[in-house]
PDB file of N, CA and C in Angstrom:
ATOM      1  N   MET A   1     -26.053  16.923  -1.011  1.00  0.00           N
ATOM      2  CA  MET A   1     -25.562  15.705  -0.784  1.00  0.00           C
ATOM      3  C   MET A   1     -25.137  14.674  -1.729  1.00  0.00           C
ATOM      4  N   GLU A   2     -26.222  14.252  -2.390  1.00  0.00           N
ATOM      5  CA  GLU A   2     -26.346  13.235  -4.257  1.00  0.00           C
ATOM      6  C   GLU A   2     -25.279  13.895  -5.074  1.00  0.00           C
ATOM      7  N   GLY A   3     -25.002  15.074  -5.196  1.00  0.00           N
ATOM      8  CA  GLY A   3     -23.672  15.591  -5.959  1.00  0.00           C
ATOM      9  C   GLY A   3     -22.847  15.633  -5.466  1.00  0.00           C
ATOM     10  N   SER A   4     -22.169  15.249  -4.170  1.00  0.00           N
ATOM     11  CA  SER A   4     -21.465  15.408  -3.199  1.00  0.00           C
ATOM     12  C   SER A   4     -20.627  13.526  -3.317  1.00  0.00           C
ATOM     13  N   VAL A   5     -21.790  12.773  -3.447  1.00  0.00           N
ATOM     14  CA  VAL A   5     -21.223  11.579  -3.507  1.00  0.00           C
ATOM     15  C   VAL A   5     -21.235  11.022  -4.990  1.00  0.00           C
ATOM     16  N   MET A   6     -21.515  11.603  -5.803  1.00  0.00           N
ATOM     17  CA  MET A   6     -21.442  11.487  -7.814  1.00  0.00           C
ATOM     18  C   MET A   6     -19.733  12.194  -7.819  1.00  0.00           C
ATOM     19  N   LYS A   7     -19.663  13.325  -6.999  1.00  0.00           N
ATOM     20  CA  LYS A   7     -18.021  13.696  -7.086  1.00  0.00           C
ATOM     21  C   LYS A   7     -17.006  12.945  -6.689  1.00  0.00           C
ATOM     22  N   LEU A   8     -17.872  12.363  -5.587  1.00  0.00           N
ATOM     23  CA  LEU A   8     -16.449  11.151  -4.710  1.00  0.00           C
ATOM     24  C   LEU A   8     -16.581  10.064  -5.325  1.00  0.00           C
ATOM     25  N   ILE A   9     -17.419   9.442  -6.218  1.00  0.00           N
ATOM     26  CA  ILE A   9     -17.617   8.025  -7.189  1.00  0.00           C
ATOM     27  C   ILE A   9     -16.243   8.683  -8.241  1.00  0.00           C
ATOM     28  N   GLY A  10     -16.414   9.729  -8.750  1.00  0.00           N
ATOM     29  CA  GLY A  10     -15.827   9.996  -9.706  1.00  0.00           C
ATOM     30  C   GLY A  10     -14.127  10.335  -9.261  1.00  0.00           C
ATOM     31  N   ILE A  11     -13.994  10.731  -8.753  1.00  0.00           N
ATOM     32  CA  ILE A  11     -12.330  11.024  -7.542  1.00  0.00           C
ATOM     33  C   ILE A  11     -12.285   9.655  -7.438  1.00  0.00           C
ATOM     34  N   ILE A  12     -12.614   8.936  -6.779  1.00  0.00           N
ATOM     35  CA  ILE A  12     -12.655   7.333  -6.482  1.00  0.00           C
ATOM     36  C   ILE A  12     -12.059   6.711  -8.472  1.00  0.00           C
ATOM     37  N   ALA A  13     -13.092   6.500  -8.629  1.00  0.00           N
ATOM     38  CA  ALA A  13     -12.775   6.574 -10.211  1.00  0.00           C
ATOM     39  C   ALA A  13     -11.438   6.359 -10.601  1.00  0.00           C
ATOM     40  N   ALA A  14     -11.253   7.862 -10.890  1.00  0.00           N
ATOM     41  CA  ALA A  14     -10.073   8.614 -11.553  1.00  0.00           C
ATOM     42  C   ALA A  14      -8.559   8.018 -10.630  1.00  0.00           C
ATOM     43  N   GLY A  15      -8.920   7.876  -9.133  1.00  0.00           N
ATOM     44  CA  GLY A  15      -7.800   7.764  -8.844  1.00  0.00           C
ATOM     45  C   GLY A  15      -7.486   6.066  -8.617  1.00  0.00           C
ATOM     46  N   GLU A  16      -8.529   5.244  -8.762  1.00  0.00           N
ATOM     47  CA  GLU A  16      -8.192   3.414  -9.710  1.00  0.00           C
ATOM     48  C   GLU A  16      -6.886   3.648 -10.626  1.00  0.00           C
ATOM     49  N   VAL A  17      -7.887   4.287 -11.336  1.00  0.00           N
ATOM     50  CA  VAL A  17      -6.983   4.735 -13.143  1.00  0.00           C
ATOM     51  C   VAL A  17      -5.771   4.577 -12.604  1.00  0.00           C
ATOM     52  N   LEU A  18      -5.579   6.040 -11.913  1.00  0.00           N
ATOM     53  CA  LEU A  18      -4.293   6.300 -11.672  1.00  0.00           C
ATOM     54  C   LEU A  18      -3.197   5.909 -10.927  1.00  0.00           C
ATOM     55  N   ILE A  19      -3.740   5.285  -9.892  1.00  0.00           N
ATOM     56  CA  ILE A  19      -2.681   4.083  -8.917  1.00  0.00           C
ATOM     57  C   ILE A  19      -2.494   2.697  -9.967  1.00  0.00           C
ATOM     58  N   HIS A  20      -3.288   2.297 -10.878  1.00  0.00           N
ATOM     59  CA  HIS A  20      -2.792   1.328 -11.414  1.00  0.00           C
ATOM     60  C   HIS A  20      -1.817   2.188 -12.621  1.00  0.00           C
ATOM     61  N   VAL A  21      -1.790   3.338 -13.129  1.00  0.00           N
ATOM     62  CA  VAL A  21      -1.085   3.358 -14.017  1.00  0.00           C
ATOM     63  C   VAL A  21       0.251   3.703 -13.478  1.00  0.00           C
ATOM     64  N   VAL A  22       0.809   3.986 -11.632  1.00  0.00           N
ATOM     65  CA  VAL A  22       1.841   4.324 -10.974  1.00  0.00           C
ATOM     66  C   VAL A  22       2.104   2.963 -10.686  1.00  0.00           C
ATOM     67  N   LEU A  23       1.609   1.827 -10.277  1.00  0.00           N
ATOM     68  CA  LEU A  23       1.832   0.927 -10.193  1.00  0.00           C
ATOM     69  C   LEU A  23       2.518  -0.112 -11.436  1.00  0.00           C
ATOM     70  N   PHE A  24       2.079   0.484 -12.752  1.00  0.00           N
ATOM     71  CA  PHE A  24       2.436  -0.371 -14.131  1.00  0.00           C
ATOM     72  C   PHE A  24       3.667   0.378 -14.000  1.00  0.00           C
ATOM     73  N   ILE A  25       4.038   1.797 -14.231  1.00  0.00           N
ATOM     74  CA  ILE A  25       5.303   2.514 -14.000  1.00  0.00           C
ATOM     75  C   ILE A  25       6.321   1.507 -12.990  1.00  0.00           C
ATOM     76  N   ILE A  26       6.338   1.896 -12.035  1.00  0.00           N
ATOM     77  CA  ILE A  26       6.790   0.891 -10.730  1.00  0.00           C
ATOM     78  C   ILE A  26       7.201  -0.130 -11.388  1.00  0.00           C
ATOM     79  N   SER A  27       6.197  -1.250 -11.650  1.00  0.00           N
ATOM     80  CA  SER A  27       6.821  -2.521 -11.351  1.00  0.00           C
ATOM     81  C   SER A  27       7.523  -2.124 -12.776  1.00  0.00           C
ATOM     82  N   ARG A  28       7.723  -1.552 -13.981  1.00  0.00           N
ATOM     83  CA  ARG A  28       8.399  -1.664 -15.159  1.00  0.00           C
ATOM     84  C   ARG A  28       9.897  -1.156 -14.401  1.00  0.00           C
ATOM     85  N   LEU A  29       9.750   0.190 -13.613  1.00  0.00           N
ATOM     86  CA  LEU A  29      10.954   0.150 -12.902  1.00  0.00           C
ATOM     87  C   LEU A  29      12.321  -0.541 -12.384  1.00  0.00           C
ATOM     88  N   ILE A  30      11.618  -1.309 -11.360  1.00  0.00           N
ATOM     89  CA  ILE A  30      12.025  -2.395 -10.477  1.00  0.00           C
ATOM     90  C   ILE A  30      11.999  -3.453 -11.293  1.00  0.00           C
ATOM     91  N   ARG A  31      11.679  -3.521 -12.498  1.00  0.00           N
ATOM     92  CA  ARG A  31      11.925  -5.303 -13.258  1.00  0.00           C
ATOM     93  C   ARG A  31      11.183  -5.740 -12.285  1.00  0.00           C
ATOM     94  N   LYS A  32       9.953  -6.408 -12.011  1.00  0.00           N
ATOM     95  CA  LYS A  32       9.188  -7.316 -11.249  1.00  0.00           C
ATOM     96  C   LYS A  32       9.227  -8.685 -11.860  1.00  0.00           C
ATOM     97  N   THR A  33       9.056  -9.622 -10.978  1.00  0.00           N
ATOM     98  CA  THR A  33       9.342 -10.810 -11.797  1.00  0.00           C
ATOM     99  C   THR A  33       7.530 -11.466 -12.276  1.00  0.00           C
ATOM    100  N   ASN A  34       7.363 -12.378 -13.074  1.00  0.00           N
ATOM    101  CA  ASN A  34       5.891 -12.569 -13.560  1.00  0.00           C
ATOM    102  C   ASN A  34       5.256 -12.724 -12.416  1.00  0.00           C
ATOM    103  N   ARG A  35       5.547 -12.932 -11.161  1.00  0.00           N
ATOM    104  CA  ARG A  35       4.845 -13.515  -9.937  1.00  0.00           C
ATOM    105  C   ARG A  35       4.457 -12.547  -9.592  1.00  0.00           C
ATOM    106  N   ASP A  36       4.464 -11.595  -9.713  1.00  0.00           N
ATOM    107  CA  ASP A  36       3.891 -10.086  -9.407  1.00  0.00           C
ATOM    108  C   ASP A  36       3.208  -9.416 -10.336  1.00  0.00           C
ATOM    109  N   LYS A  37       2.658 -10.041 -10.980  1.00  0.00           N
ATOM    110  CA  LYS A  37       2.034  -9.204 -12.044  1.00  0.00           C
ATOM    111  C   LYS A  37       0.739  -8.811 -11.553  1.00  0.00           C
ATOM    112  N   ILE A  38       0.105  -7.716 -12.204  1.00  0.00           N
ATOM    113  CA  ILE A  38      -0.997  -6.894 -12.079  1.00  0.00           C
ATOM    114  C   ILE A  38      -2.266  -7.840 -12.043  1.00  0.00           C
ATOM    115  N   THR A  39      -3.070  -8.698 -11.813  1.00  0.00           N
ATOM    116  CA  THR A  39      -4.261  -9.232 -11.964  1.00  0.00           C
ATOM    117  C   THR A  39      -5.623  -8.793 -11.600  1.00  0.00           C
ATOM    118  N   GLY A  40      -6.787  -9.487 -12.201  1.00  0.00           N
ATOM    119  CA  GLY A  40      -7.944  -8.886 -11.747  1.00  0.00           C
ATOM    120  C   GLY A  40      -7.710  -9.259  -9.677  1.00  0.00           C
ATOM    121  N   THR A  41      -7.575 -10.345  -9.450  1.00  0.00           N
ATOM    122  CA  THR A  41      -7.134 -10.773  -8.140  1.00  0.00           C
ATOM    123  C   THR A  41      -6.736  -9.165  -7.314  1.00  0.00           C
ATOM    124  N   SER A  42      -5.918  -9.271  -8.043  1.00  0.00           N
ATOM    125  CA  SER A  42      -4.919  -8.051  -7.300  1.00  0.00           C
ATOM    126  C   SER A  42      -5.496  -6.638  -6.906  1.00  0.00           C
ATOM    127  N   ILE A  43      -6.220  -5.938  -8.215  1.00  0.00           N
ATOM    128  CA  ILE A  43      -6.718  -5.095  -8.329  1.00  0.00           C
ATOM    129  C   ILE A  43      -7.842  -4.667  -7.279  1.00  0.00           C
ATOM    130  N   PHE A  44      -8.780  -6.260  -7.593  1.00  0.00           N
ATOM    131  CA  PHE A  44      -9.721  -6.171  -6.634  1.00  0.00           C
ATOM    132  C   PHE A  44      -9.096  -5.980  -4.968  1.00  0.00           C
ATOM    133  N   LYS A  45      -8.225  -6.893  -4.338  1.00  0.00           N
ATOM    134  CA  LYS A  45      -7.948  -6.991  -3.066  1.00  0.00           C
ATOM    135  C   LYS A  45      -7.311  -4.993  -2.873  1.00  0.00           C
ATOM    136  N   GLY A  46      -6.857  -4.403  -3.887  1.00  0.00           N
ATOM    137  CA  GLY A  46      -6.192  -3.621  -3.504  1.00  0.00           C
ATOM    138  C   GLY A  46      -7.723  -2.571  -3.193  1.00  0.00           C
ATOM    139  N   LEU A  47      -8.378  -2.567  -4.487  1.00  0.00           N
ATOM    140  CA  LEU A  47      -9.987  -1.719  -4.251  1.00  0.00           C
ATOM    141  C   LEU A  47     -10.440  -2.071  -2.687  1.00  0.00           C
ATOM    142  N   LEU A  48     -10.640  -3.155  -2.155  1.00  0.00           N
ATOM    143  CA  LEU A  48     -11.028  -3.617  -0.926  1.00  0.00           C
ATOM    144  C   LEU A  48     -10.364  -3.179   0.294  1.00  0.00           C
ATOM    145  N   GLU A  49      -8.719  -2.735  -0.013  1.00  0.00           N
ATOM    146  CA  GLU A  49      -7.704  -2.181   1.359  1.00  0.00           C
ATOM    147  C   GLU A  49      -8.275  -0.776   1.486  1.00  0.00           C
ATOM    148  N   ARG A  50      -8.373   0.033  -0.413  1.00  0.00           N
ATOM    149  CA  ARG A  50      -8.706   1.318   0.088  1.00  0.00           C
ATOM    150  C   ARG A  50      -9.935   1.089   0.561  1.00  0.00           C
ATOM    151  N   ALA A  51     -10.980   1.055   0.440  1.00  0.00           N
ATOM    152  CA  ALA A  51     -12.213   0.694   0.813  1.00  0.00           C
ATOM    153  C   ALA A  51     -12.055   0.605   2.353  1.00  0.00           C
ATOM    154  N   PHE A  52     -11.593  -0.187   2.635  1.00  0.00           N
ATOM    155  CA  PHE A  52     -11.472  -0.616   4.238  1.00  0.00           C
ATOM    156  C   PHE A  52     -10.145   0.763   4.843  1.00  0.00           C
ATOM    157  N   ILE A  53      -9.660   1.285   4.099  1.00  0.00           N
ATOM    158  CA  ILE A  53      -8.798   2.601   5.034  1.00  0.00           C
ATOM    159  C   ILE A  53      -9.998   4.140   4.843  1.00  0.00           C
ATOM    160  N   LEU A  54     -10.639   3.554   3.775  1.00  0.00           N
ATOM    161  CA  LEU A  54     -11.666   4.979   3.947  1.00  0.00           C
ATOM    162  C   LEU A  54     -12.860   4.657   4.661  1.00  0.00           C
ATOM    163  N   VAL A  55     -13.398   3.836   4.978  1.00  0.00           N
ATOM    164  CA  VAL A  55     -14.232   3.155   6.164  1.00  0.00           C
ATOM    165  C   VAL A  55     -13.991   3.497   7.404  1.00  0.00           C
ATOM    166  N   THR A  56     -12.863   3.282   7.917  1.00  0.00           N
ATOM    167  CA  THR A  56     -12.179   3.393   9.124  1.00  0.00           C
ATOM    168  C   THR A  56     -11.716   4.616   9.507  1.00  0.00           C
ATOM    169  N   LEU A  57     -11.237   5.368   8.265  1.00  0.00           N
ATOM    170  CA  LEU A  57     -11.038   6.858   8.815  1.00  0.00           C
ATOM    171  C   LEU A  57     -12.238   7.713   8.699  1.00  0.00           C
ATOM    172  N   SER A  58     -13.286   7.314   8.086  1.00  0.00           N
ATOM    173  CA  SER A  58     -14.172   8.224   8.071  1.00  0.00           C
ATOM    174  C   SER A  58     -14.909   7.946   9.447  1.00  0.00           C
ATOM    175  N   HIS A  59     -14.512   6.677  10.487  1.00  0.00           N
ATOM    176  CA  HIS A  59     -15.455   6.168  11.314  1.00  0.00           C
ATOM    177  C   HIS A  59     -14.489   6.757  12.461  1.00  0.00           C
ATOM    178  N   ASP A  60     -13.464   7.118  12.343  1.00  0.00           N
ATOM    179  CA  ASP A  60     -12.108   7.757  13.523  1.00  0.00           C
ATOM    180  C   ASP A  60     -11.428   6.448  14.141  1.00  0.00           C
ATOM    181  N   LEU A  61     -11.439   4.897  13.345  1.00  0.00           N
ATOM    182  CA  LEU A  61     -11.038   3.893  13.634  1.00  0.00           C
ATOM    183  C   LEU A  61      -9.545   3.667  13.123  1.00  0.00           C
ATOM    184  N   VAL A  62      -8.889   5.028  13.489  1.00  0.00           N
ATOM    185  CA  VAL A  62      -7.308   5.100  13.349  1.00  0.00           C
ATOM    186  C   VAL A  62      -6.205   3.804  13.738  1.00  0.00           C
ATOM    187  N   ALA A  63      -6.435   3.118  14.409  1.00  0.00           N
ATOM    188  CA  ALA A  63      -6.072   2.027  15.255  1.00  0.00           C
ATOM    189  C   ALA A  63      -6.323   0.460  14.586  1.00  0.00           C
ATOM    190  N   SER A  64      -7.506   0.724  14.162  1.00  0.00           N
ATOM    191  CA  SER A  64      -7.637  -0.288  12.611  1.00  0.00           C
ATOM    192  C   SER A  64      -6.675  -0.173  11.362  1.00  0.00           C
ATOM    193  N   LEU A  65      -6.078   0.470  11.643  1.00  0.00           N
ATOM    194  CA  LEU A  65      -4.609   0.896  10.528  1.00  0.00           C
ATOM    195  C   LEU A  65      -3.457  -0.086  10.603  1.00  0.00           C
ATOM    196  N   THR A  66      -3.585  -0.390  12.247  1.00  0.00           N
ATOM    197  CA  THR A  66      -2.146  -1.277  12.901  1.00  0.00           C
ATOM    198  C   THR A  66      -3.103  -2.966  12.587  1.00  0.00           C
ATOM    199  N   LEU A  67      -4.100  -2.933  12.188  1.00  0.00           N
ATOM    200  CA  LEU A  67      -4.721  -4.356  12.118  1.00  0.00           C
ATOM    201  C   LEU A  67      -4.399  -4.611  10.554  1.00  0.00           C
ATOM    202  N   LEU A  68      -4.511  -3.565   9.623  1.00  0.00           N
ATOM    203  CA  LEU A  68      -3.873  -3.990   7.812  1.00  0.00           C
ATOM    204  C   LEU A  68      -2.607  -4.286   7.929  1.00  0.00           C
ATOM    205  N   GLY A  69      -1.990  -3.380   8.500  1.00  0.00           N
ATOM    206  CA  GLY A  69      -0.698  -3.436   8.275  1.00  0.00           C
ATOM    207  C   GLY A  69      -0.136  -5.049   9.254  1.00  0.00           C
ATOM    208  N   ALA A  70      -0.813  -5.131   9.881  1.00  0.00           N
ATOM    209  CA  ALA A  70      -0.694  -6.871  10.709  1.00  0.00           C
ATOM    210  C   ALA A  70      -0.779  -7.748   9.880  1.00  0.00           C
ATOM    211  N   LEU A  71      -2.068  -7.403   9.358  1.00  0.00           N
ATOM    212  CA  LEU A  71      -2.760  -8.734   8.472  1.00  0.00           C
ATOM    213  C   LEU A  71      -1.675  -8.960   7.075  1.00  0.00           C
ATOM    214  N   LYS A  72      -1.023  -7.343   6.431  1.00  0.00           N
ATOM    215  CA  LYS A  72      -0.359  -7.495   5.116  1.00  0.00           C
ATOM    216  C   LYS A  72       1.309  -8.130   5.647  1.00  0.00           C
ATOM    217  N   ILE A  73       1.928  -7.774   6.494  1.00  0.00           N
ATOM    218  CA  ILE A  73       3.042  -8.675   6.638  1.00  0.00           C
ATOM    219  C   ILE A  73       2.578  -9.887   7.073  1.00  0.00           C
ATOM    220  N   ALA A  74       1.607 -10.484   7.746  1.00  0.00           N
ATOM    221  CA  ALA A  74       1.698 -11.858   7.721  1.00  0.00           C
ATOM    222  C   ALA A  74       1.321 -12.968   6.818  1.00  0.00           C
ATOM    223  N   THR A  75       0.551 -12.121   6.040  1.00  0.00           N
ATOM    224  CA  THR A  75       0.311 -12.769   4.530  1.00  0.00           C
ATOM    225  C   THR A  75       1.641 -12.775   3.658  1.00  0.00           C
ATOM    226  N   ARG A  76       2.620 -11.990   4.297  1.00  0.00           N
ATOM    227  CA  ARG A  76       3.518 -11.538   3.211  1.00  0.00           C
ATOM    228  C   ARG A  76       5.243 -12.770   3.230  1.00  0.00           C
ATOM    229  N   ILE A  77       5.341 -13.178   4.861  1.00  0.00           N
ATOM    230  CA  ILE A  77       6.022 -13.662   5.413  1.00  0.00           C
ATOM    231  C   ILE A  77       6.397 -15.324   4.695  1.00  0.00           C
ATOM    232  N   ARG A  78       7.626 -15.173   4.506  1.00  0.00           N
ATOM    233  CA  ARG A  78       8.236 -16.336   3.589  1.00  0.00           C
ATOM    234  C   ARG A  78       9.575 -16.993   3.783  1.00  0.00           C
ATOM    235  N   ASP A  79       9.824 -18.190   3.572  1.00  0.00           N
ATOM    236  CA  ASP A  79      11.667 -19.124   3.825  1.00  0.00           C
ATOM    237  C   ASP A  79      12.174 -17.837   2.945  1.00  0.00           C
ATOM    238  N   HIS A  80      11.823 -18.068   1.554  1.00  0.00           N
ATOM    239  CA  HIS A  80      13.363 -17.162   0.834  1.00  0.00           C
ATOM    240  C   HIS A  80      11.978 -15.911   0.236  1.00  0.00           C
ATOM    241  N   GLU A  81      12.859 -14.736   0.194  1.00  0.00           N
ATOM    242  CA  GLU A  81      12.333 -13.224   0.724  1.00  0.00           C
ATOM    243  C   GLU A  81      13.204 -13.213  -1.294  1.00  0.00           C
ATOM    244  N   ASP A  82      11.953 -12.411  -1.867  1.00  0.00           N
ATOM    245  CA  ASP A  82      12.684 -11.624  -3.134  1.00  0.00           C
ATOM    246  C   ASP A  82      12.670 -10.365  -3.230  1.00  0.00           C
ATOM    247  N   LYS A  83      14.010 -10.048  -3.423  1.00  0.00           N
ATOM    248  CA  LYS A  83      13.899  -8.507  -3.211  1.00  0.00           C
ATOM    249  C   LYS A  83      13.287  -7.770  -4.274  1.00  0.00           C
ATOM    250  N   VAL A  84      13.022  -8.159  -5.573  1.00  0.00           N
ATOM    251  CA  VAL A  84      12.545  -7.465  -5.967  1.00  0.00           C
ATOM    252  C   VAL A  84      10.686  -7.481  -5.588  1.00  0.00           C
ATOM    253  N   SER A  85      10.453  -8.692  -5.222  1.00  0.00           N
ATOM    254  CA  SER A  85       8.938  -8.708  -5.078  1.00  0.00           C
ATOM    255  C   SER A  85       8.905  -7.889  -3.820  1.00  0.00           C
ATOM    256  N   ASN A  86       9.900  -7.811  -2.823  1.00  0.00           N
ATOM    257  CA  ASN A  86       9.673  -7.138  -1.756  1.00  0.00           C
ATOM    258  C   ASN A  86       9.611  -5.688  -1.705  1.00  0.00           C
ATOM    259  N   ASP A  87      10.136  -5.201  -2.898  1.00  0.00           N
ATOM    260  CA  ASP A  87      10.094  -3.652  -3.273  1.00  0.00           C
ATOM    261  C   ASP A  87       9.149  -2.913  -3.773  1.00  0.00           C
ATOM    262  N   PHE A  88       8.277  -4.221  -4.652  1.00  0.00           N
ATOM    263  CA  PHE A  88       6.966  -4.004  -5.133  1.00  0.00           C
ATOM    264  C   PHE A  88       5.899  -3.570  -4.081  1.00  0.00           C
ATOM    265  N   PHE A  89       6.207  -4.962  -3.438  1.00  0.00           N
ATOM    266  CA  PHE A  89       5.481  -4.666  -2.760  1.00  0.00           C
ATOM    267  C   PHE A  89       4.906  -3.929  -1.686  1.00  0.00           C
ATOM    268  N   VAL A  90       6.242  -3.495  -0.742  1.00  0.00           N
ATOM    269  CA  VAL A  90       6.236  -2.259  -0.044  1.00  0.00           C
ATOM    270  C   VAL A  90       6.037  -0.908  -0.939  1.00  0.00           C
ATOM    271  N   ILE A  91       6.562  -0.875  -2.102  1.00  0.00           N
ATOM    272  CA  ILE A  91       6.111   0.680  -2.662  1.00  0.00           C
ATOM    273  C   ILE A  91       4.545   0.318  -3.072  1.00  0.00           C
ATOM    274  N   GLY A  92       4.001  -0.686  -3.751  1.00  0.00           N
ATOM    275  CA  GLY A  92       2.790  -0.401  -4.235  1.00  0.00           C
ATOM    276  C   GLY A  92       1.843  -0.423  -2.737  1.00  0.00           C
ATOM    277  N   ASN A  93       2.416  -1.149  -1.681  1.00  0.00           N
ATOM    278  CA  ASN A  93       1.227  -0.785  -0.617  1.00  0.00           C
ATOM    279  C   ASN A  93       1.365   0.606   0.078  1.00  0.00           C
ATOM    280  N   LEU A  94       2.517   1.322   0.115  1.00  0.00           N
ATOM    281  CA  LEU A  94       2.517   2.827   0.158  1.00  0.00           C
ATOM    282  C   LEU A  94       1.683   3.733  -0.539  1.00  0.00           C
ATOM    283  N   VAL A  95       2.084   3.323  -1.499  1.00  0.00           N
ATOM    284  CA  VAL A  95       1.015   3.638  -3.213  1.00  0.00           C
ATOM    285  C   VAL A  95      -0.351   3.580  -2.985  1.00  0.00           C
ATOM    286  N   SER A  96      -0.752   2.584  -2.249  1.00  0.00           N
ATOM    287  CA  SER A  96      -2.156   2.247  -1.782  1.00  0.00           C
ATOM    288  C   SER A  96      -2.787   2.561  -0.920  1.00  0.00           C
ATOM    289  N   VAL A  97      -1.973   2.694   0.220  1.00  0.00           N
ATOM    290  CA  VAL A  97      -2.271   3.633   1.356  1.00  0.00           C
ATOM    291  C   VAL A  97      -2.859   5.191   1.425  1.00  0.00           C
ATOM    292  N   MET A  98      -1.484   5.439   0.478  1.00  0.00           N
ATOM    293  CA  MET A  98      -1.794   7.106   0.341  1.00  0.00           C
ATOM    294  C   MET A  98      -3.229   7.403  -0.714  1.00  0.00           C
ATOM    295  N   PHE A  99      -3.198   6.588  -1.616  1.00  0.00           N
ATOM    296  CA  PHE A  99      -4.680   6.535  -2.412  1.00  0.00           C
ATOM    297  C   PHE A  99      -5.943   6.230  -1.338  1.00  0.00           C
ATOM    298  N   GLY A 100      -5.679   5.473  -0.330  1.00  0.00           N
ATOM    299  CA  GLY A 100      -6.743   5.744   0.165  1.00  0.00           C
ATOM    300  C   GLY A 100      -7.469   6.972   1.490  1.00  0.00           C
ATOM    301  N   ILE A 101      -6.128   7.090   2.119  1.00  0.00           N
ATOM    302  CA  ILE A 101      -5.961   8.519   3.108  1.00  0.00           C
ATOM    303  C   ILE A 101      -6.626   9.519   2.144  1.00  0.00           C
ATOM    304  N   ALA A 102      -6.073   9.452   0.381  1.00  0.00           N
ATOM    305  CA  ALA A 102      -6.699  10.658   0.038  1.00  0.00           C
ATOM    306  C   ALA A 102      -8.004  10.336  -0.451  1.00  0.00           C
ATOM    307  N   TYR A 103      -8.445   9.281  -0.475  1.00  0.00           N
ATOM    308  CA  TYR A 103     -10.137   9.429  -0.491  1.00  0.00           C
ATOM    309  C   TYR A 103     -11.132   9.635   0.372  1.00  0.00           C
ATOM    310  N   PHE A 104     -10.148   9.650   1.441  1.00  0.00           N
ATOM    311  CA  PHE A 104     -10.653  10.128   2.735  1.00  0.00           C
ATOM    312  C   PHE A 104     -10.708  11.647   2.876  1.00  0.00           C
ATOM    313  N   ILE A 105      -9.982  12.082   2.407  1.00  0.00           N
ATOM    314  CA  ILE A 105      -9.698  13.723   2.961  1.00  0.00           C
ATOM    315  C   ILE A 105     -10.440  14.040   1.966  1.00  0.00           C
ATOM    316  N   PHE A 106     -10.926  13.769   0.500  1.00  0.00           N
ATOM    317  CA  PHE A 106     -11.554  14.067  -0.459  1.00  0.00           C
ATOM    318  C   PHE A 106     -12.757  13.779   0.087  1.00  0.00           C
ATOM    319  N   SER A 107     -13.260  13.120   0.781  1.00  0.00           N
ATOM    320  CA  SER A 107     -14.717  12.449   1.016  1.00  0.00           C
ATOM    321  C   SER A 107     -15.494  13.681   2.278  1.00  0.00           C
ATOM    322  N   LYS A 108     -14.096  13.276   3.159  1.00  0.00           N
ATOM    323  CA  LYS A 108     -14.651  14.562   3.785  1.00  0.00           C
ATOM    324  C   LYS A 108     -14.999  15.996   3.750  1.00  0.00           C
ATOM    325  N   ASN A 109     -14.085  16.308   2.892  1.00  0.00           N
ATOM    326  CA  ASN A 109     -14.050  17.903   2.437  1.00  0.00           C
ATOM    327  C   ASN A 109     -15.330  17.952   1.391  1.00  0.00           C
ATOM    328  N   LEU A 110     -15.649  16.964   0.904  1.00  0.00           N
ATOM    329  CA  LEU A 110     -16.736  17.014  -0.590  1.00  0.00           C
ATOM    330  C   LEU A 110     -18.551  16.865   0.779  1.00  0.00           C
ATOM    331  N   MET A 111     -18.305  15.960   1.496  1.00  0.00           N
ATOM    332  CA  MET A 111     -19.374  15.854   2.434  1.00  0.00           C
ATOM    333  C   MET A 111     -19.628  16.693   3.675  1.00  0.00           C
ATOM    334  N   GLY A 112     -18.791  17.587   4.062  1.00  0.00           N
ATOM    335  CA  GLY A 112     -18.362  18.474   4.813  1.00  0.00           C
ATOM    336  C   GLY A 112     -17.901  18.075   6.084  1.00  0.00           C
TER     337      GLY A 112
END
């Protein structure tokens, strides 16, 4: 079990490096604005989001993903939307959710 936990931590650490490389490339492709810079705060929020996904899927609380989606939409509503910002937001969130689900799959396979 201890070896499985260490493997999972390694997978998540590698995944976090990979996700930030992917988001950096995406941000350059869509020429995001300075307002959408990847900061320490955005990295922390992404880690928290993926941890939430991993925990909810691990405990078979799939409906809680609806809550996550609603919270993300509610915090994003603005009077003046910026298409570039929205593109980065949507793509970034899809990438983040995919990594959270991948972590769950890896943890399920490693832990049995």
